[in-house]
Protein backbone atom coordinates (compact mmCIF):
# COMPACT_ATOMS: atom_id res chain seq x y z
CA MET A 1 -38.39 99.55 -18.07
CA ASP A 2 -40.52 96.42 -18.29
CA PRO A 3 -43.15 96.37 -15.48
CA GLN A 4 -42.18 92.87 -14.33
CA LEU A 5 -38.50 93.81 -14.24
CA THR A 6 -39.37 96.95 -12.28
CA GLU A 7 -41.39 94.94 -9.76
CA VAL A 8 -38.54 92.48 -9.17
CA SER A 9 -35.98 95.30 -8.92
CA GLN A 10 -38.02 97.16 -6.30
CA LEU A 11 -38.61 94.02 -4.26
CA PHE A 12 -34.90 93.22 -4.42
CA GLU A 13 -34.08 96.68 -3.07
CA ARG A 14 -36.30 95.90 -0.09
CA PHE A 15 -34.45 92.61 0.33
CA LYS A 16 -31.06 94.33 0.32
CA ALA A 17 -32.24 96.92 2.85
CA ALA A 18 -33.40 94.13 5.18
CA PHE A 19 -30.10 92.30 4.61
CA ILE A 20 -28.07 95.37 5.62
CA ARG A 21 -29.99 95.70 8.90
CA ASN A 22 -29.59 91.93 9.56
CA ASP A 23 -33.33 91.30 9.38
CA TYR A 24 -32.92 87.77 8.04
CA ASP A 25 -36.54 86.73 8.62
CA SER A 26 -37.71 89.49 6.28
CA CYS A 27 -34.96 88.52 3.84
CA ALA A 28 -36.18 84.92 3.72
CA ASN A 29 -39.76 86.05 3.12
CA LEU A 30 -38.78 88.51 0.38
CA LEU A 31 -36.49 85.94 -1.23
CA SER A 32 -39.37 83.49 -1.58
CA GLN A 33 -41.39 86.18 -3.36
CA LEU A 34 -38.48 87.05 -5.62
CA LYS A 35 -37.96 83.44 -6.67
CA VAL A 36 -41.62 83.16 -7.65
CA LEU A 37 -41.43 86.35 -9.73
CA LEU A 38 -38.24 85.18 -11.46
CA THR A 39 -40.10 82.16 -12.87
CA LYS A 40 -41.96 84.60 -15.18
CA PHE A 41 -38.74 85.56 -16.99
CA ARG A 42 -38.28 83.24 -19.98
CA SER A 43 -34.73 84.51 -20.43
CA LEU A 44 -33.58 82.67 -17.30
CA PRO A 45 -32.43 79.06 -16.96
CA PRO A 46 -33.36 76.57 -18.25
CA LEU A 47 -35.09 78.31 -21.19
CA PHE A 48 -32.54 81.08 -21.89
CA GLU A 49 -34.85 82.71 -24.43
CA ASN A 50 -33.39 85.79 -26.13
CA THR A 51 -36.02 88.26 -24.91
CA PRO A 52 -35.59 92.08 -25.27
CA ASN A 53 -34.62 92.42 -21.58
CA ALA A 54 -32.66 89.14 -21.36
CA VAL A 55 -29.33 90.60 -20.22
CA ASN A 56 -30.90 92.82 -17.55
CA GLU A 57 -33.05 89.95 -16.30
CA LEU A 58 -30.08 87.58 -16.15
CA LEU A 59 -27.97 90.13 -14.29
CA LEU A 60 -30.71 90.81 -11.77
CA ALA A 61 -31.44 87.12 -11.22
CA ARG A 62 -27.74 86.35 -10.79
CA GLU A 63 -27.39 89.02 -8.12
CA ILE A 64 -30.51 87.77 -6.32
CA TYR A 65 -29.18 84.21 -6.16
CA GLU A 66 -25.77 85.47 -5.04
CA HIS A 67 -27.45 87.23 -2.14
CA ALA A 68 -29.48 84.07 -1.47
CA VAL A 69 -26.27 82.03 -1.10
CA VAL A 70 -24.76 84.57 1.30
CA LEU A 71 -28.03 84.69 3.26
CA SER A 72 -27.92 80.90 3.70
CA VAL A 73 -24.46 81.28 5.26
CA LYS A 74 -25.66 84.07 7.56
CA ILE A 75 -28.53 81.90 8.84
CA GLU A 76 -26.26 78.81 8.90
CA ASP A 77 -28.50 76.72 6.63
CA GLN A 78 -26.35 74.33 4.58
CA ASP A 79 -29.33 72.80 2.76
CA ALA A 80 -30.45 76.23 1.58
CA PHE A 81 -26.87 76.97 0.52
CA GLU A 82 -26.80 73.88 -1.69
CA ARG A 83 -30.18 74.67 -3.29
CA ASP A 84 -29.34 78.31 -3.96
CA PHE A 85 -25.84 77.54 -5.20
CA PHE A 86 -27.13 75.12 -7.82
CA GLN A 87 -29.74 77.65 -8.92
CA LEU A 88 -26.97 80.25 -9.23
CA LYS A 89 -24.38 78.07 -10.97
CA PRO A 90 -25.90 78.24 -14.51
CA TYR A 91 -25.42 82.02 -14.44
CA TYR A 92 -21.67 81.44 -14.09
CA THR A 93 -21.50 78.61 -16.64
CA ASP A 94 -24.29 78.55 -19.25
CA ALA A 95 -24.91 82.32 -19.21
CA GLY A 96 -21.31 83.28 -18.47
CA SER A 97 -20.51 84.32 -22.05
CA ARG A 98 -23.54 86.65 -22.18
CA LEU A 99 -22.84 88.52 -18.95
CA PRO A 100 -19.96 90.56 -17.55
CA PRO A 101 -18.03 88.76 -14.77
CA SER A 102 -19.46 88.97 -11.29
CA PRO A 103 -17.14 90.07 -8.44
CA GLN A 104 -18.95 87.53 -6.25
CA GLU A 105 -18.27 84.52 -8.49
CA TYR A 106 -14.94 83.33 -7.08
CA PRO A 107 -15.82 83.99 -3.41
CA ILE A 108 -19.01 81.94 -3.86
CA LEU A 109 -17.28 79.15 -5.78
CA GLY A 110 -14.69 79.02 -2.99
CA LEU A 111 -17.47 78.91 -0.41
CA ASN A 112 -19.00 75.92 -2.14
CA LEU A 113 -15.65 74.10 -2.14
CA LEU A 114 -15.33 74.82 1.56
CA ARG A 115 -18.83 73.47 2.20
CA LEU A 116 -17.99 70.21 0.39
CA LEU A 117 -14.82 69.91 2.46
CA VAL A 118 -16.71 70.48 5.73
CA GLN A 119 -19.24 67.81 4.70
CA ASN A 120 -16.38 65.44 3.80
CA ARG A 121 -17.61 65.19 0.20
CA ILE A 122 -14.09 64.98 -1.16
CA ALA A 123 -14.98 63.35 -4.49
CA GLU A 124 -17.43 66.18 -5.27
CA PHE A 125 -14.82 68.69 -4.11
CA HIS A 126 -12.39 67.46 -6.75
CA THR A 127 -15.12 67.24 -9.40
CA GLU A 128 -15.99 70.90 -8.86
CA LEU A 129 -12.30 71.77 -8.89
CA GLU A 130 -11.76 70.11 -12.27
CA LEU A 131 -14.51 72.27 -13.79
CA LEU A 132 -12.72 75.51 -12.91
CA SER A 133 -10.52 77.43 -15.32
CA ALA A 134 -6.81 78.07 -14.78
CA THR A 135 -7.67 81.68 -13.95
CA ALA A 136 -10.14 80.60 -11.28
CA LEU A 137 -7.59 78.25 -9.70
CA GLU A 138 -5.24 81.20 -9.20
CA ASN A 139 -7.88 83.22 -7.36
CA PRO A 140 -7.17 83.58 -3.60
CA CYS A 141 -10.65 82.33 -2.67
CA ILE A 142 -10.20 79.10 -4.64
CA LYS A 143 -6.57 78.63 -3.55
CA HIS A 144 -7.62 79.00 0.07
CA ALA A 145 -10.07 76.07 -0.24
CA VAL A 146 -7.52 73.94 -2.13
CA GLU A 147 -4.80 74.53 0.46
CA LEU A 148 -7.24 73.69 3.25
CA GLU A 149 -8.13 70.39 1.58
CA GLN A 150 -4.46 69.51 1.17
CA SER A 151 -3.73 70.32 4.82
CA PHE A 152 -6.76 68.32 5.96
CA MET A 153 -5.75 65.26 3.91
CA GLU A 154 -2.16 65.49 5.16
CA GLY A 155 -3.33 65.68 8.77
CA ALA A 156 -1.72 69.11 9.18
CA TYR A 157 -4.52 70.18 11.49
CA ASN A 158 -2.63 73.16 12.91
CA ARG A 159 -2.57 74.68 9.40
CA VAL A 160 -6.30 74.05 9.04
CA LEU A 161 -7.11 75.87 12.28
CA SER A 162 -4.72 78.77 11.67
CA ALA A 163 -6.24 79.28 8.19
CA ARG A 164 -9.29 80.88 9.83
CA GLN A 165 -7.19 83.99 10.44
CA THR A 166 -6.39 84.30 6.73
CA ALA A 167 -9.86 83.59 5.32
CA PRO A 168 -10.21 85.63 2.11
CA HIS A 169 -13.83 86.60 2.72
CA GLU A 170 -15.96 87.24 5.81
CA THR A 171 -18.55 84.66 4.72
CA TYR A 172 -15.91 81.92 5.03
CA VAL A 173 -15.83 82.14 8.85
CA TYR A 174 -18.97 79.96 9.30
CA PHE A 175 -17.54 77.02 7.35
CA MET A 176 -14.07 77.55 8.83
CA ASP A 177 -15.55 77.17 12.32
CA LEU A 178 -17.34 73.98 11.27
CA LEU A 179 -14.10 72.65 9.80
CA ALA A 180 -12.24 73.48 13.02
CA LYS A 181 -14.82 71.46 14.97
CA THR A 182 -14.40 68.54 12.56
CA VAL A 183 -10.63 68.68 13.05
CA ARG A 184 -10.88 68.79 16.84
CA ASP A 185 -13.38 65.93 16.91
CA GLU A 186 -10.96 63.87 14.80
CA ILE A 187 -8.05 64.61 17.16
CA ALA A 188 -10.24 63.95 20.22
CA GLY A 189 -11.32 60.57 18.87
CA CYS A 190 -7.71 59.54 18.24
CA SER A 191 -6.57 60.86 21.65
CA GLU A 192 -9.04 58.87 23.71
CA LYS A 193 -8.07 55.70 21.86
CA ALA A 194 -4.31 56.29 22.16
CA TYR A 195 -4.09 57.49 25.79
CA ASP A 196 -5.62 56.65 29.13
CA TYR A 197 -5.10 60.24 30.27
CA LEU A 198 -3.31 63.48 29.40
CA SER A 199 -2.37 66.54 31.40
CA ILE A 200 -4.61 69.52 30.76
CA ASP A 201 -1.64 71.34 29.20
CA ASP A 202 -0.93 68.45 26.80
CA ALA A 203 -4.62 68.06 25.93
CA ARG A 204 -4.92 71.80 25.25
CA GLN A 205 -1.93 71.73 22.91
CA MET A 206 -3.06 68.56 21.18
CA LEU A 207 -6.55 69.94 20.57
CA LEU A 208 -5.06 73.26 19.48
CA PHE A 209 -6.86 75.48 21.99
CA SER A 210 -5.33 78.78 23.08
CA SER A 211 -6.52 78.54 26.70
CA ASP A 212 -7.45 75.95 29.33
CA GLN A 213 -10.92 77.50 29.58
CA GLU A 214 -11.61 76.81 25.88
CA LEU A 215 -10.51 73.20 26.42
CA LEU A 216 -12.76 72.75 29.46
CA GLU A 217 -15.76 74.22 27.63
CA TYR A 218 -15.13 71.88 24.69
CA ILE A 219 -14.97 68.86 27.02
CA LYS A 220 -18.16 69.92 28.80
CA GLU A 221 -20.10 70.37 25.54
CA GLU A 222 -18.65 67.63 23.33
CA HIS A 223 -17.13 65.00 25.64
CA PRO A 224 -18.96 64.88 28.99
CA ASP A 225 -17.72 61.29 29.37
CA TRP A 226 -14.15 62.57 29.82
CA GLU A 227 -13.15 63.18 33.44
CA VAL A 228 -11.11 66.24 34.42
CA LYS A 229 -9.40 65.74 37.78
CA ASN A 230 -6.20 66.97 39.48
CA GLY A 231 -4.90 68.70 36.37
CA PHE A 232 -5.47 65.72 34.08
CA VAL A 233 -8.03 64.66 31.48
CA PHE A 234 -8.96 60.97 31.88
CA PHE A 235 -10.33 59.06 28.88
CA GLN A 236 -10.83 55.73 30.66
CA LYS A 237 -14.51 56.37 31.36
CA ALA A 238 -15.12 57.02 27.65
CA LYS A 239 -13.32 53.79 26.75
CA GLU A 240 -15.34 51.79 29.26
CA SER A 241 -18.63 53.19 27.96
CA ALA A 242 -17.74 52.41 24.33
CA PRO A 243 -19.62 49.36 23.04
CA CYS A 244 -17.44 46.28 22.71
CA LYS A 245 -18.32 44.02 19.81
CA GLU A 246 -17.69 40.33 20.39
CA ILE A 247 -16.17 38.32 17.56
CA PRO A 248 -18.48 35.39 16.82
CA SER A 249 -15.56 32.92 16.64
CA LEU A 250 -17.63 29.72 16.90
CA GLN A 251 -19.94 30.90 14.15
CA LEU A 252 -16.98 31.71 11.90
CA ILE A 253 -15.41 28.29 12.53
CA ASN A 254 -18.66 26.52 11.64
CA GLN A 255 -19.05 28.57 8.46
CA THR A 256 -15.46 27.84 7.42
CA LEU A 257 -15.92 24.08 7.97
CA SER A 258 -19.18 24.19 6.03
CA TYR A 259 -17.48 25.95 3.08
CA ALA A 260 -14.67 23.35 3.19
CA ARG A 261 -17.16 20.43 3.05
CA GLU A 262 -19.03 22.05 0.14
CA LEU A 263 -15.74 22.63 -1.71
CA GLU A 264 -14.77 18.96 -1.13
CA ARG A 265 -18.05 17.78 -2.66
CA ILE A 266 -17.56 19.98 -5.73
CA VAL A 267 -14.03 18.68 -6.26
């Protein structure tokens, strides 16, 4: 085997061993070294030179970047996820015809769709979706993300929250939890505008919590301006603290009269 390929393979084995024992600091350090070593392979994107070890180098690099994406989820780093995903993507697209399919491709593509949904980047979500084949769209990982987006857009928040139980891959839980928080924040914002107060039972059901304790912890962490008293959640304090923007009516009247005078001169 080529010495450079051997060096990368051995370092990657150390990375995988650290990954298995959840030593993510060592993983991050080893990953940085691996990325530097991969730059020496001219068979990799963007050059794609047809070197003697091209297929083996492409396969190894693809697996390294797949692990990098999963690592970014484990350490909850969305910026790293985006960087590593876009480094990985050419191995699924440009080099796809030269390599056997990866079992991690659809789970990772689904993860990326879920990330875009969590970040409310809906236009990019649909752009990525349009690039997928009919076969990919039938994959459970992709369908899961599509169904979530549809439920989110329809306001079927109960379906969004219950979807966590049917996540097709363990790595999806991180983004599912973020999406659940987004959903609850949306409901909470609407609730405090629509009601002066709610009973704890009604608030728990509306925010889709399974226990009063979960509701109270959420209020303490996310909405300390809500007041819980005598079995009720009062939103009035939050409303009073919200900034009230005055409408500059006199200024608008003056501007309108000015525009009318200018229009009269033109005519």
